Structures are given as C-alpha cells and as structure tokens.
Amino acid sequence: MSVDRLERVNSLLKRVIGEGMFSVMQGDSISPGLITVTAVHCGKDLRDATVYVSVFGDDAVKERALQHLRHHARNFQALVNREVRLKFTPRLTFKLDLSLERGDEVLALIDKIERGFAN
C-alpha cells in the first residue's frame, strides 16, 4: 500500500473519530470535550489502528477517559464502518499521547534557563 494512501486513511480516521466523540460518548461521566484525537496510525493491512488521544486533566481523569474510550471502542468501529468505505474496518486501540505534556515541560525548562541567563 502506498504511504500516501495510508496517510490519507489515518487522517480520515482521525477526523471521523474526533467528530464522533460527542455522539459515541454522549451521557458519559467524562466529557468528550476534554479529549482530543492527536493521531491515528493504521497498520499496512488496515486491519488495526492505534488512536492516540490527549486528555485535559489530572492523571485520574486521563485514566478514566482512556477506560471510557476503550469501553466504547466497538461503537467507534461501527462509526468508522458507517462513515468510511474500506475493505476492512480497523480494530481500534486507544492510547494516551503524552507528547503535549512533554512539550510543555521542555518549554518550561527553556523558559527557566532563559530567566537564569537574564539575571
């Protein structure tokens, strides 16, 4: 499979899952507004996809949100099946993306270093 096609499928799945967050998780104790789909990585055969999410909140909120997403994985797969025309509907696995927090830590360190040199 061409890399370009795989990237387009990843992008499409990211959009569909992100937009469907409110309909699939409606009524949950975790607000879907706290969750952002940051990336989707499909396997080359398109049978499996890892969905990376960022969750706003402390570690307890992040863990609960991840549990809710995993609980609703089949609902998200059904949504993908309805919205995206693929030979196979990928099996979705949700993982927490901590890159935003790491980026904030790096920026805080850089800021601290810059303030140290200014004195």
PDB file of N, CA and C in Angstrom:
ATOM      1  N   MET A   1       0.843  -1.174   0.000  1.00  0.00           N
ATOM      2  CA  MET A   1       0.000   0.000   0.000  1.00  0.00           C
ATOM      3  C   MET A   1       0.886   1.234   0.000  1.00  0.00           C
ATOM      4  N   SER A   2       0.483   2.208  -0.747  1.00  0.00           N
ATOM      5  CA  SER A   2       1.264   3.436  -0.847  1.00  0.00           C
ATOM      6  C   SER A   2       1.212   4.199   0.470  1.00  0.00           C
ATOM      7  N   VAL A   3       2.320   4.844   0.782  1.00  0.00           N
ATOM      8  CA  VAL A   3       2.425   5.621   2.015  1.00  0.00           C
ATOM      9  C   VAL A   3       1.420   6.771   1.998  1.00  0.00           C
ATOM     10  N   ASP A   4       1.243   7.383   0.832  1.00  0.00           N
ATOM     11  CA  ASP A   4       0.303   8.493   0.702  1.00  0.00           C
ATOM     12  C   ASP A   4      -1.116   8.040   1.043  1.00  0.00           C
ATOM     13  N   ARG A   5      -1.512   6.865   0.569  1.00  0.00           N
ATOM     14  CA  ARG A   5      -2.857   6.369   0.851  1.00  0.00           C
ATOM     15  C   ARG A   5      -3.013   6.070   2.338  1.00  0.00           C
ATOM     16  N   LEU A   6      -1.997   5.487   2.934  1.00  0.00           N
ATOM     17  CA  LEU A   6      -2.044   5.191   4.362  1.00  0.00           C
ATOM     18  C   LEU A   6      -2.170   6.479   5.176  1.00  0.00           C
ATOM     19  N   GLU A   7      -1.459   7.521   4.789  1.00  0.00           N
ATOM     20  CA  GLU A   7      -1.563   8.812   5.473  1.00  0.00           C
ATOM     21  C   GLU A   7      -2.958   9.409   5.324  1.00  0.00           C
ATOM     22  N   ARG A   8      -3.541   9.262   4.140  1.00  0.00           N
ATOM     23  CA  ARG A   8      -4.898   9.781   3.931  1.00  0.00           C
ATOM     24  C   ARG A   8      -5.906   9.010   4.771  1.00  0.00           C
ATOM     25  N   VAL A   9      -5.754   7.693   4.870  1.00  0.00           N
ATOM     26  CA  VAL A   9      -6.654   6.882   5.702  1.00  0.00           C
ATOM     27  C   VAL A   9      -6.495   7.274   7.167  1.00  0.00           C
ATOM     28  N   ASN A  10      -5.251   7.438   7.620  1.00  0.00           N
ATOM     29  CA  ASN A  10      -5.005   7.861   9.002  1.00  0.00           C
ATOM     30  C   ASN A  10      -5.681   9.195   9.290  1.00  0.00           C
ATOM     31  N   SER A  11      -5.543  10.140   8.383  1.00  0.00           N
ATOM     32  CA  SER A  11      -6.142  11.460   8.548  1.00  0.00           C
ATOM     33  C   SER A  11      -7.671  11.377   8.569  1.00  0.00           C
ATOM     34  N   LEU A  12      -8.228  10.576   7.696  1.00  0.00           N
ATOM     35  CA  LEU A  12      -9.675  10.413   7.635  1.00  0.00           C
ATOM     36  C   LEU A  12     -10.207   9.777   8.917  1.00  0.00           C
ATOM     37  N   LEU A  13      -9.535   8.748   9.401  1.00  0.00           N
ATOM     38  CA  LEU A  13      -9.966   8.099  10.639  1.00  0.00           C
ATOM     39  C   LEU A  13      -9.865   9.059  11.818  1.00  0.00           C
ATOM     40  N   LYS A  14      -8.819   9.868  11.852  1.00  0.00           N
ATOM     41  CA  LYS A  14      -8.655  10.853  12.918  1.00  0.00           C
ATOM     42  C   LYS A  14      -9.828  11.824  12.927  1.00  0.00           C
ATOM     43  N   ARG A  15     -10.211  12.300  11.759  1.00  0.00           N
ATOM     44  CA  ARG A  15     -11.321  13.251  11.658  1.00  0.00           C
ATOM     45  C   ARG A  15     -12.644  12.599  12.071  1.00  0.00           C
ATOM     46  N   VAL A  16     -12.918  11.396  11.560  1.00  0.00           N
ATOM     47  CA  VAL A  16     -14.188  10.720  11.845  1.00  0.00           C
ATOM     48  C   VAL A  16     -14.313  10.395  13.333  1.00  0.00           C
ATOM     49  N   ILE A  17     -13.243   9.888  13.935  1.00  0.00           N
ATOM     50  CA  ILE A  17     -13.285   9.540  15.357  1.00  0.00           C
ATOM     51  C   ILE A  17     -13.411  10.807  16.205  1.00  0.00           C
ATOM     52  N   GLY A  18     -12.657  11.844  15.865  1.00  0.00           N
ATOM     53  CA  GLY A  18     -12.749  13.099  16.606  1.00  0.00           C
ATOM     54  C   GLY A  18     -14.128  13.719  16.538  1.00  0.00           C
ATOM     55  N   GLU A  19     -14.720  13.736  15.341  1.00  0.00           N
ATOM     56  CA  GLU A  19     -16.058  14.318  15.187  1.00  0.00           C
ATOM     57  C   GLU A  19     -17.125  13.462  15.855  1.00  0.00           C
ATOM     58  N   GLY A  20     -16.904  12.157  15.910  1.00  0.00           N
ATOM     59  CA  GLY A  20     -17.888  11.253  16.505  1.00  0.00           C
ATOM     60  C   GLY A  20     -17.785  11.127  18.011  1.00  0.00           C
ATOM     61  N   MET A  21     -16.804  11.789  18.588  1.00  0.00           N
ATOM     62  CA  MET A  21     -16.570  11.682  20.035  1.00  0.00           C
ATOM     63  C   MET A  21     -17.825  12.061  20.832  1.00  0.00           C
ATOM     64  N   PHE A  22     -18.506  13.138  20.447  1.00  0.00           N
ATOM     65  CA  PHE A  22     -19.673  13.600  21.204  1.00  0.00           C
ATOM     66  C   PHE A  22     -20.863  12.652  21.055  1.00  0.00           C
ATOM     67  N   SER A  23     -21.043  12.080  19.872  1.00  0.00           N
ATOM     68  CA  SER A  23     -22.190  11.187  19.700  1.00  0.00           C
ATOM     69  C   SER A  23     -21.958   9.837  20.369  1.00  0.00           C
ATOM     70  N   VAL A  24     -20.750   9.313  20.300  1.00  0.00           N
ATOM     71  CA  VAL A  24     -20.473   8.000  20.878  1.00  0.00           C
ATOM     72  C   VAL A  24     -20.420   8.066  22.403  1.00  0.00           C
ATOM     73  N   MET A  25     -19.834   9.122  22.951  1.00  0.00           N
ATOM     74  CA  MET A  25     -19.648   9.202  24.404  1.00  0.00           C
ATOM     75  C   MET A  25     -20.707  10.053  25.089  1.00  0.00           C
ATOM     76  N   GLN A  26     -21.813  10.274  24.422  1.00  0.00           N
ATOM     77  CA  GLN A  26     -22.890  11.089  24.984  1.00  0.00           C
ATOM     78  C   GLN A  26     -23.410  10.449  26.274  1.00  0.00           C
ATOM     79  N   GLY A  27     -23.500  11.251  27.324  1.00  0.00           N
ATOM     80  CA  GLY A  27     -24.020  10.762  28.593  1.00  0.00           C
ATOM     81  C   GLY A  27     -22.980  10.138  29.501  1.00  0.00           C
ATOM     82  N   ASP A  28     -21.722  10.071  29.073  1.00  0.00           N
ATOM     83  CA  ASP A  28     -20.667   9.528  29.926  1.00  0.00           C
ATOM     84  C   ASP A  28     -20.294  10.527  31.008  1.00  0.00           C
ATOM     85  N   SER A  29     -19.664  10.020  32.057  1.00  0.00           N
ATOM     86  CA  SER A  29     -19.225  10.904  33.142  1.00  0.00           C
ATOM     87  C   SER A  29     -18.006  11.726  32.723  1.00  0.00           C
ATOM     88  N   ILE A  30     -17.296  11.277  31.686  1.00  0.00           N
ATOM     89  CA  ILE A  30     -16.164  12.025  31.149  1.00  0.00           C
ATOM     90  C   ILE A  30     -16.669  12.846  29.968  1.00  0.00           C
ATOM     91  N   SER A  31     -16.427  14.139  30.004  1.00  0.00           N
ATOM     92  CA  SER A  31     -16.859  14.999  28.911  1.00  0.00           C
ATOM     93  C   SER A  31     -15.973  14.768  27.686  1.00  0.00           C
ATOM     94  N   PRO A  32     -16.573  14.506  26.532  1.00  0.00           N
ATOM     95  CA  PRO A  32     -15.770  14.321  25.319  1.00  0.00           C
ATOM     96  C   PRO A  32     -15.007  15.579  24.927  1.00  0.00           C
ATOM     97  N   GLY A  33     -15.400  16.726  25.464  1.00  0.00           N
ATOM     98  CA  GLY A  33     -14.699  17.966  25.178  1.00  0.00           C
ATOM     99  C   GLY A  33     -13.302  18.013  25.781  1.00  0.00           C
ATOM    100  N   LEU A  34     -13.028  17.132  26.726  1.00  0.00           N
ATOM    101  CA  LEU A  34     -11.708  17.063  27.352  1.00  0.00           C
ATOM    102  C   LEU A  34     -10.728  16.211  26.552  1.00  0.00           C
ATOM    103  N   ILE A  35     -11.226  15.527  25.525  1.00  0.00           N
ATOM    104  CA  ILE A  35     -10.418  14.559  24.775  1.00  0.00           C
ATOM    105  C   ILE A  35     -10.159  15.078  23.370  1.00  0.00           C
ATOM    106  N   THR A  36      -8.909  14.993  22.947  1.00  0.00           N
ATOM    107  CA  THR A  36      -8.516  15.377  21.594  1.00  0.00           C
ATOM    108  C   THR A  36      -7.825  14.201  20.933  1.00  0.00           C
ATOM    109  N   VAL A  37      -8.257  13.855  19.732  1.00  0.00           N
ATOM    110  CA  VAL A  37      -7.569  12.820  18.966  1.00  0.00           C
ATOM    111  C   VAL A  37      -6.360  13.481  18.314  1.00  0.00           C
ATOM    112  N   THR A  38      -5.163  13.060  18.714  1.00  0.00           N
ATOM    113  CA  THR A  38      -3.952  13.699  18.202  1.00  0.00           C
ATOM    114  C   THR A  38      -3.395  12.997  16.974  1.00  0.00           C
ATOM    115  N   ALA A  39      -3.603  11.684  16.870  1.00  0.00           N
ATOM    116  CA  ALA A  39      -3.081  10.948  15.719  1.00  0.00           C
ATOM    117  C   ALA A  39      -3.746   9.587  15.630  1.00  0.00           C
ATOM    118  N   VAL A  40      -3.726   9.028  14.426  1.00  0.00           N
ATOM    119  CA  VAL A  40      -4.168   7.655  14.196  1.00  0.00           C
ATOM    120  C   VAL A  40      -3.113   6.996  13.325  1.00  0.00           C
ATOM    121  N   HIS A  41      -2.699   5.797  13.718  1.00  0.00           N
ATOM    122  CA  HIS A  41      -1.717   5.048  12.939  1.00  0.00           C
ATOM    123  C   HIS A  41      -2.290   3.677  12.613  1.00  0.00           C
ATOM    124  N   CYS A  42      -2.595   3.473  11.331  1.00  0.00           N
ATOM    125  CA  CYS A  42      -3.105   2.191  10.859  1.00  0.00           C
ATOM    126  C   CYS A  42      -1.946   1.280  10.486  1.00  0.00           C
ATOM    127  N   GLY A  43      -2.187  -0.013  10.641  1.00  0.00           N
ATOM    128  CA  GLY A  43      -1.230  -0.982  10.129  1.00  0.00           C
ATOM    129  C   GLY A  43      -1.305  -0.991   8.611  1.00  0.00           C
ATOM    130  N   LYS A  44      -0.296  -1.542   7.963  1.00  0.00           N
ATOM    131  CA  LYS A  44      -0.261  -1.535   6.498  1.00  0.00           C
ATOM    132  C   LYS A  44      -1.429  -2.284   5.874  1.00  0.00           C
ATOM    133  N   ASP A  45      -1.960  -3.289   6.583  1.00  0.00           N
ATOM    134  CA  ASP A  45      -3.093  -4.040   6.042  1.00  0.00           C
ATOM    135  C   ASP A  45      -4.444  -3.423   6.409  1.00  0.00           C
ATOM    136  N   LEU A  46      -4.428  -2.310   7.158  1.00  0.00           N
ATOM    137  CA  LEU A  46      -5.626  -1.559   7.575  1.00  0.00           C
ATOM    138  C   LEU A  46      -6.564  -2.353   8.478  1.00  0.00           C
ATOM    139  N   ARG A  47      -6.081  -3.406   9.100  1.00  0.00           N
ATOM    140  CA  ARG A  47      -6.933  -4.198   9.991  1.00  0.00           C
ATOM    141  C   ARG A  47      -6.882  -3.713  11.431  1.00  0.00           C
ATOM    142  N   ASP A  48      -5.826  -3.017  11.783  1.00  0.00           N
ATOM    143  CA  ASP A  48      -5.670  -2.477  13.135  1.00  0.00           C
ATOM    144  C   ASP A  48      -5.289  -1.008  13.048  1.00  0.00           C
ATOM    145  N   ALA A  49      -5.767  -0.238  14.011  1.00  0.00           N
ATOM    146  CA  ALA A  49      -5.414   1.181  14.074  1.00  0.00           C
ATOM    147  C   ALA A  49      -5.240   1.579  15.533  1.00  0.00           C
ATOM    148  N   THR A  50      -4.182   2.315  15.799  1.00  0.00           N
ATOM    149  CA  THR A  50      -3.948   2.860  17.126  1.00  0.00           C
ATOM    150  C   THR A  50      -4.357   4.321  17.109  1.00  0.00           C
ATOM    151  N   VAL A  51      -5.244   4.686  18.026  1.00  0.00           N
ATOM    152  CA  VAL A  51      -5.749   6.048  18.120  1.00  0.00           C
ATOM    153  C   VAL A  51      -5.084   6.695  19.340  1.00  0.00           C
ATOM    154  N   TYR A  52      -4.318   7.751  19.101  1.00  0.00           N
ATOM    155  CA  TYR A  52      -3.641   8.462  20.176  1.00  0.00           C
ATOM    156  C   TYR A  52      -4.491   9.655  20.585  1.00  0.00           C
ATOM    157  N   VAL A  53      -4.734   9.767  21.893  1.00  0.00           N
ATOM    158  CA  VAL A  53      -5.573  10.841  22.408  1.00  0.00           C
ATOM    159  C   VAL A  53      -4.844  11.613  23.496  1.00  0.00           C
ATOM    160  N   SER A  54      -5.166  12.880  23.580  1.00  0.00           N
ATOM    161  CA  SER A  54      -4.677  13.739  24.649  1.00  0.00           C
ATOM    162  C   SER A  54      -5.896  14.113  25.485  1.00  0.00           C
ATOM    163  N   VAL A  55      -5.735  14.049  26.807  1.00  0.00           N
ATOM    164  CA  VAL A  55      -6.848  14.328  27.707  1.00  0.00           C
ATOM    165  C   VAL A  55      -6.458  15.471  28.627  1.00  0.00           C
ATOM    166  N   PHE A  56      -7.331  16.464  28.721  1.00  0.00           N
ATOM    167  CA  PHE A  56      -7.106  17.605  29.604  1.00  0.00           C
ATOM    168  C   PHE A  56      -7.547  17.230  31.011  1.00  0.00           C
ATOM    169  N   GLY A  57      -6.620  17.295  31.954  1.00  0.00           N
ATOM    170  CA  GLY A  57      -6.944  16.978  33.341  1.00  0.00           C
ATOM    171  C   GLY A  57      -5.810  16.256  34.024  1.00  0.00           C
ATOM    172  N   ASP A  58      -6.059  15.875  35.268  1.00  0.00           N
ATOM    173  CA  ASP A  58      -5.023  15.178  36.029  1.00  0.00           C
ATOM    174  C   ASP A  58      -4.962  13.707  35.609  1.00  0.00           C
ATOM    175  N   ASP A  59      -4.061  12.962  36.246  1.00  0.00           N
ATOM    176  CA  ASP A  59      -3.843  11.569  35.863  1.00  0.00           C
ATOM    177  C   ASP A  59      -5.087  10.701  36.048  1.00  0.00           C
ATOM    178  N   ALA A  60      -5.874  10.969  37.084  1.00  0.00           N
ATOM    179  CA  ALA A  60      -7.095  10.189  37.317  1.00  0.00           C
ATOM    180  C   ALA A  60      -8.100  10.406  36.185  1.00  0.00           C
ATOM    181  N   VAL A  61      -8.244  11.654  35.749  1.00  0.00           N
ATOM    182  CA  VAL A  61      -9.164  11.962  34.645  1.00  0.00           C
ATOM    183  C   VAL A  61      -8.673  11.290  33.366  1.00  0.00           C
ATOM    184  N   LYS A  62      -7.372  11.339  33.124  1.00  0.00           N
ATOM    185  CA  LYS A  62      -6.807  10.720  31.920  1.00  0.00           C
ATOM    186  C   LYS A  62      -7.065   9.221  31.905  1.00  0.00           C
ATOM    187  N   GLU A  63      -6.869   8.567  33.041  1.00  0.00           N
ATOM    188  CA  GLU A  63      -7.082   7.122  33.112  1.00  0.00           C
ATOM    189  C   GLU A  63      -8.553   6.769  32.921  1.00  0.00           C
ATOM    190  N   ARG A  64      -9.441   7.537  33.555  1.00  0.00           N
ATOM    191  CA  ARG A  64     -10.875   7.290  33.380  1.00  0.00           C
ATOM    192  C   ARG A  64     -11.307   7.504  31.935  1.00  0.00           C
ATOM    193  N   ALA A  65     -10.784   8.555  31.301  1.00  0.00           N
ATOM    194  CA  ALA A  65     -11.135   8.833  29.906  1.00  0.00           C
ATOM    195  C   ALA A  65     -10.664   7.692  29.002  1.00  0.00           C
ATOM    196  N   LEU A  66      -9.478   7.193  29.261  1.00  0.00           N
ATOM    197  CA  LEU A  66      -8.949   6.086  28.466  1.00  0.00           C
ATOM    198  C   LEU A  66      -9.799   4.831  28.657  1.00  0.00           C
ATOM    199  N   GLN A  67     -10.248   4.576  29.869  1.00  0.00           N
ATOM    200  CA  GLN A  67     -11.136   3.435  30.123  1.00  0.00           C
ATOM    201  C   GLN A  67     -12.451   3.581  29.361  1.00  0.00           C
ATOM    202  N   HIS A  68     -13.010   4.792  29.353  1.00  0.00           N
ATOM    203  CA  HIS A  68     -14.265   5.031  28.631  1.00  0.00           C
ATOM    204  C   HIS A  68     -14.063   4.839  27.128  1.00  0.00           C
ATOM    205  N   LEU A  69     -12.956   5.340  26.601  1.00  0.00           N
ATOM    206  CA  LEU A  69     -12.683   5.176  25.171  1.00  0.00           C
ATOM    207  C   LEU A  69     -12.545   3.703  24.810  1.00  0.00           C
ATOM    208  N   ARG A  70     -11.835   2.964  25.631  1.00  0.00           N
ATOM    209  CA  ARG A  70     -11.671   1.524  25.370  1.00  0.00           C
ATOM    210  C   ARG A  70     -13.004   0.800  25.476  1.00  0.00           C
ATOM    211  N   HIS A  71     -13.840   1.246  26.410  1.00  0.00           N
ATOM    212  CA  HIS A  71     -15.175   0.651  26.562  1.00  0.00           C
ATOM    213  C   HIS A  71     -16.022   0.888  25.304  1.00  0.00           C
ATOM    214  N   HIS A  72     -15.867   2.046  24.688  1.00  0.00           N
ATOM    215  CA  HIS A  72     -16.659   2.409  23.510  1.00  0.00           C
ATOM    216  C   HIS A  72     -15.949   2.086  22.186  1.00  0.00           C
ATOM    217  N   ALA A  73     -14.880   1.328  22.219  1.00  0.00           N
ATOM    218  CA  ALA A  73     -14.103   1.048  21.001  1.00  0.00           C
ATOM    219  C   ALA A  73     -14.977   0.458  19.893  1.00  0.00           C
ATOM    220  N   ARG A  74     -15.855  -0.455  20.236  1.00  0.00           N
ATOM    221  CA  ARG A  74     -16.724  -1.067  19.201  1.00  0.00           C
ATOM    222  C   ARG A  74     -17.705  -0.049  18.611  1.00  0.00           C
ATOM    223  N   ASN A  75     -18.158   0.879  19.436  1.00  0.00           N
ATOM    224  CA  ASN A  75     -19.046   1.923  18.915  1.00  0.00           C
ATOM    225  C   ASN A  75     -18.292   2.820  17.928  1.00  0.00           C
ATOM    226  N   PHE A  76     -17.027   3.127  18.265  1.00  0.00           N
ATOM    227  CA  PHE A  76     -16.211   3.917  17.341  1.00  0.00           C
ATOM    228  C   PHE A  76     -15.953   3.133  16.056  1.00  0.00           C
ATOM    229  N   GLN A  77     -15.731   1.825  16.171  1.00  0.00           N
ATOM    230  CA  GLN A  77     -15.524   0.995  14.980  1.00  0.00           C
ATOM    231  C   GLN A  77     -16.779   0.983  14.107  1.00  0.00           C
ATOM    232  N   ALA A  78     -17.948   0.908  14.736  1.00  0.00           N
ATOM    233  CA  ALA A  78     -19.201   0.951  13.980  1.00  0.00           C
ATOM    234  C   ALA A  78     -19.345   2.294  13.270  1.00  0.00           C
ATOM    235  N   LEU A  79     -18.955   3.363  13.939  1.00  0.00           N
ATOM    236  CA  LEU A  79     -18.989   4.693  13.337  1.00  0.00           C
ATOM    237  C   LEU A  79     -18.061   4.751  12.127  1.00  0.00           C
ATOM    238  N   VAL A  80     -16.857   4.244  12.277  1.00  0.00           N
ATOM    239  CA  VAL A  80     -15.900   4.213  11.164  1.00  0.00           C
ATOM    240  C   VAL A  80     -16.462   3.380  10.021  1.00  0.00           C
ATOM    241  N   ASN A  81     -17.094   2.266  10.347  1.00  0.00           N
ATOM    242  CA  ASN A  81     -17.682   1.401   9.317  1.00  0.00           C
ATOM    243  C   ASN A  81     -18.769   2.136   8.529  1.00  0.00           C
ATOM    244  N   ARG A  82     -19.563   2.962   9.226  1.00  0.00           N
ATOM    245  CA  ARG A  82     -20.623   3.720   8.546  1.00  0.00           C
ATOM    246  C   ARG A  82     -20.067   4.858   7.707  1.00  0.00           C
ATOM    247  N   GLU A  83     -19.044   5.546   8.215  1.00  0.00           N
ATOM    248  CA  GLU A  83     -18.571   6.780   7.599  1.00  0.00           C
ATOM    249  C   GLU A  83     -17.461   6.602   6.567  1.00  0.00           C
ATOM    250  N   VAL A  84     -16.682   5.529   6.676  1.00  0.00           N
ATOM    251  CA  VAL A  84     -15.510   5.355   5.822  1.00  0.00           C
ATOM    252  C   VAL A  84     -15.656   4.069   5.033  1.00  0.00           C
ATOM    253  N   ARG A  85     -15.420   4.160   3.754  1.00  0.00           N
ATOM    254  CA  ARG A  85     -15.526   2.981   2.903  1.00  0.00           C
ATOM    255  C   ARG A  85     -14.148   2.332   2.788  1.00  0.00           C
ATOM    256  N   LEU A  86     -13.982   1.222   3.512  1.00  0.00           N
ATOM    257  CA  LEU A  86     -12.753   0.435   3.478  1.00  0.00           C
ATOM    258  C   LEU A  86     -13.126  -1.032   3.341  1.00  0.00           C
ATOM    259  N   LYS A  87     -12.194  -1.815   2.846  1.00  0.00           N
ATOM    260  CA  LYS A  87     -12.447  -3.252   2.718  1.00  0.00           C
ATOM    261  C   LYS A  87     -12.649  -3.883   4.090  1.00  0.00           C
ATOM    262  N   PHE A  88     -11.815  -3.483   5.048  1.00  0.00           N
ATOM    263  CA  PHE A  88     -11.917  -3.957   6.417  1.00  0.00           C
ATOM    264  C   PHE A  88     -12.076  -2.755   7.344  1.00  0.00           C
ATOM    265  N   THR A  89     -12.870  -2.930   8.379  1.00  0.00           N
ATOM    266  CA  THR A  89     -12.955  -1.898   9.407  1.00  0.00           C
ATOM    267  C   THR A  89     -11.844  -2.177  10.413  1.00  0.00           C
ATOM    268  N   PRO A  90     -10.946  -1.226  10.613  1.00  0.00           N
ATOM    269  CA  PRO A  90      -9.839  -1.488  11.527  1.00  0.00           C
ATOM    270  C   PRO A  90     -10.294  -1.657  12.973  1.00  0.00           C
ATOM    271  N   ARG A  91      -9.612  -2.550  13.679  1.00  0.00           N
ATOM    272  CA  ARG A  91      -9.847  -2.725  15.107  1.00  0.00           C
ATOM    273  C   ARG A  91      -9.099  -1.595  15.812  1.00  0.00           C
ATOM    274  N   LEU A  92      -9.809  -0.821  16.613  1.00  0.00           N
ATOM    275  CA  LEU A  92      -9.239   0.380  17.224  1.00  0.00           C
ATOM    276  C   LEU A  92      -8.671   0.097  18.612  1.00  0.00           C
ATOM    277  N   THR A  93      -7.484   0.627  18.852  1.00  0.00           N
ATOM    278  CA  THR A  93      -6.831   0.575  20.153  1.00  0.00           C
ATOM    279  C   THR A  93      -6.541   2.015  20.561  1.00  0.00           C
ATOM    280  N   PHE A  94      -6.954   2.389  21.754  1.00  0.00           N
ATOM    281  CA  PHE A  94      -6.751   3.758  22.222  1.00  0.00           C
ATOM    282  C   PHE A  94      -5.554   3.823  23.159  1.00  0.00           C
ATOM    283  N   LYS A  95      -4.695   4.820  22.924  1.00  0.00           N
ATOM    284  CA  LYS A  95      -3.525   5.039  23.774  1.00  0.00           C
ATOM    285  C   LYS A  95      -3.421   6.520  24.096  1.00  0.00           C
ATOM    286  N   LEU A  96      -2.885   6.787  25.273  1.00  0.00           N
ATOM    287  CA  LEU A  96      -2.706   8.153  25.728  1.00  0.00           C
ATOM    288  C   LEU A  96      -1.466   8.762  25.081  1.00  0.00           C
ATOM    289  N   ASP A  97      -1.608   9.957  24.542  1.00  0.00           N
ATOM    290  CA  ASP A  97      -0.497  10.675  23.915  1.00  0.00           C
ATOM    291  C   ASP A  97      -0.003  11.721  24.906  1.00  0.00           C
ATOM    292  N   LEU A  98       1.205  11.531  25.382  1.00  0.00           N
ATOM    293  CA  LEU A  98       1.770  12.444  26.380  1.00  0.00           C
ATOM    294  C   LEU A  98       2.716  13.464  25.764  1.00  0.00           C
ATOM    295  N   SER A  99       2.763  13.547  24.443  1.00  0.00           N
ATOM    296  CA  SER A  99       3.718  14.445  23.786  1.00  0.00           C
ATOM    297  C   SER A  99       3.434  15.916  24.103  1.00  0.00           C
ATOM    298  N   LEU A 100       2.179  16.292  24.281  1.00  0.00           N
ATOM    299  CA  LEU A 100       1.866  17.682  24.606  1.00  0.00           C
ATOM    300  C   LEU A 100       2.401  18.052  25.987  1.00  0.00           C
ATOM    301  N   GLU A 101       2.255  17.141  26.951  1.00  0.00           N
ATOM    302  CA  GLU A 101       2.787  17.411  28.291  1.00  0.00           C
ATOM    303  C   GLU A 101       4.310  17.500  28.256  1.00  0.00           C
ATOM    304  N   ARG A 102       4.944  16.597  27.502  1.00  0.00           N
ATOM    305  CA  ARG A 102       6.401  16.647  27.385  1.00  0.00           C
ATOM    306  C   ARG A 102       6.851  17.943  26.726  1.00  0.00           C
ATOM    307  N   GLY A 103       6.116  18.393  25.743  1.00  0.00           N
ATOM    308  CA  GLY A 103       6.434  19.659  25.080  1.00  0.00           C
ATOM    309  C   GLY A 103       6.334  20.829  26.039  1.00  0.00           C
ATOM    310  N   ASP A 104       5.292  20.815  26.878  1.00  0.00           N
ATOM    311  CA  ASP A 104       5.149  21.873  27.887  1.00  0.00           C
ATOM    312  C   ASP A 104       6.314  21.858  28.870  1.00  0.00           C
ATOM    313  N   GLU A 105       6.757  20.662  29.253  1.00  0.00           N
ATOM    314  CA  GLU A 105       7.890  20.556  30.180  1.00  0.00           C
ATOM    315  C   GLU A 105       9.162  21.125  29.553  1.00  0.00           C
ATOM    316  N   VAL A 106       9.384  20.819  28.279  1.00  0.00           N
ATOM    317  CA  VAL A 106      10.569  21.336  27.586  1.00  0.00           C
ATOM    318  C   VAL A 106      10.508  22.855  27.500  1.00  0.00           C
ATOM    319  N   LEU A 107       9.350  23.392  27.158  1.00  0.00           N
ATOM    320  CA  LEU A 107       9.207  24.851  27.077  1.00  0.00           C
ATOM    321  C   LEU A 107       9.419  25.514  28.442  1.00  0.00           C
ATOM    322  N   ALA A 108       8.944  24.871  29.507  1.00  0.00           N
ATOM    323  CA  ALA A 108       9.147  25.412  30.852  1.00  0.00           C
ATOM    324  C   ALA A 108      10.632  25.410  31.211  1.00  0.00           C
ATOM    325  N   LEU A 109      11.343  24.340  30.831  1.00  0.00           N
ATOM    326  CA  LEU A 109      12.785  24.284  31.089  1.00  0.00           C
ATOM    327  C   LEU A 109      13.537  25.361  30.313  1.00  0.00           C
ATOM    328  N   ILE A 110      13.165  25.557  29.066  1.00  0.00           N
ATOM    329  CA  ILE A 110      13.810  26.594  28.253  1.00  0.00           C
ATOM    330  C   ILE A 110      13.560  27.970  28.858  1.00  0.00           C
ATOM    331  N   ASP A 111      12.319  28.198  29.286  1.00  0.00           N
ATOM    332  CA  ASP A 111      11.981  29.480  29.923  1.00  0.00           C
ATOM    333  C   ASP A 111      12.802  29.682  31.199  1.00  0.00           C
ATOM    334  N   LYS A 112      12.929  28.616  31.984  1.00  0.00           N
ATOM    335  CA  LYS A 112      13.704  28.700  33.224  1.00  0.00           C
ATOM    336  C   LYS A 112      15.173  29.006  32.935  1.00  0.00           C
ATOM    337  N   ILE A 113      15.724  28.390  31.902  1.00  0.00           N
ATOM    338  CA  ILE A 113      17.120  28.637  31.526  1.00  0.00           C
ATOM    339  C   ILE A 113      17.296  30.076  31.055  1.00  0.00           C
ATOM    340  N   GLU A 114      16.355  30.554  30.238  1.00  0.00           N
ATOM    341  CA  GLU A 114      16.434  31.935  29.736  1.00  0.00           C
ATOM    342  C   GLU A 114      16.359  32.924  30.894  1.00  0.00           C
ATOM    343  N   ARG A 115      15.518  32.681  31.878  1.00  0.00           N
ATOM    344  CA  ARG A 115      15.420  33.579  33.031  1.00  0.00           C
ATOM    345  C   ARG A 115      16.697  33.520  33.863  1.00  0.00           C
ATOM    346  N   GLY A 116      17.348  32.358  33.907  1.00  0.00           N
ATOM    347  CA  GLY A 116      18.603  32.216  34.634  1.00  0.00           C
ATOM    348  C   GLY A 116      19.728  33.017  33.995  1.00  0.00           C
ATOM    349  N   PHE A 117      19.746  33.082  32.674  1.00  0.00           N
ATOM    350  CA  PHE A 117      20.776  33.849  31.964  1.00  0.00           C
ATOM    351  C   PHE A 117      20.485  35.346  32.014  1.00  0.00           C
ATOM    352  N   ALA A 118      19.253  35.724  32.190  1.00  0.00           N
ATOM    353  CA  ALA A 118      18.891  37.145  32.216  1.00  0.00           C
ATOM    354  C   ALA A 118      19.343  37.809  33.519  1.00  0.00           C
ATOM    355  N   ASN A 119      19.490  37.020  34.569  1.00  0.00           N
ATOM    356  CA  ASN A 119      19.899  37.587  35.869  1.00  0.00           C
ATOM    357  C   ASN A 119      21.348  37.846  35.954  1.00  0.00           C
TER     358      ASN A 119
END
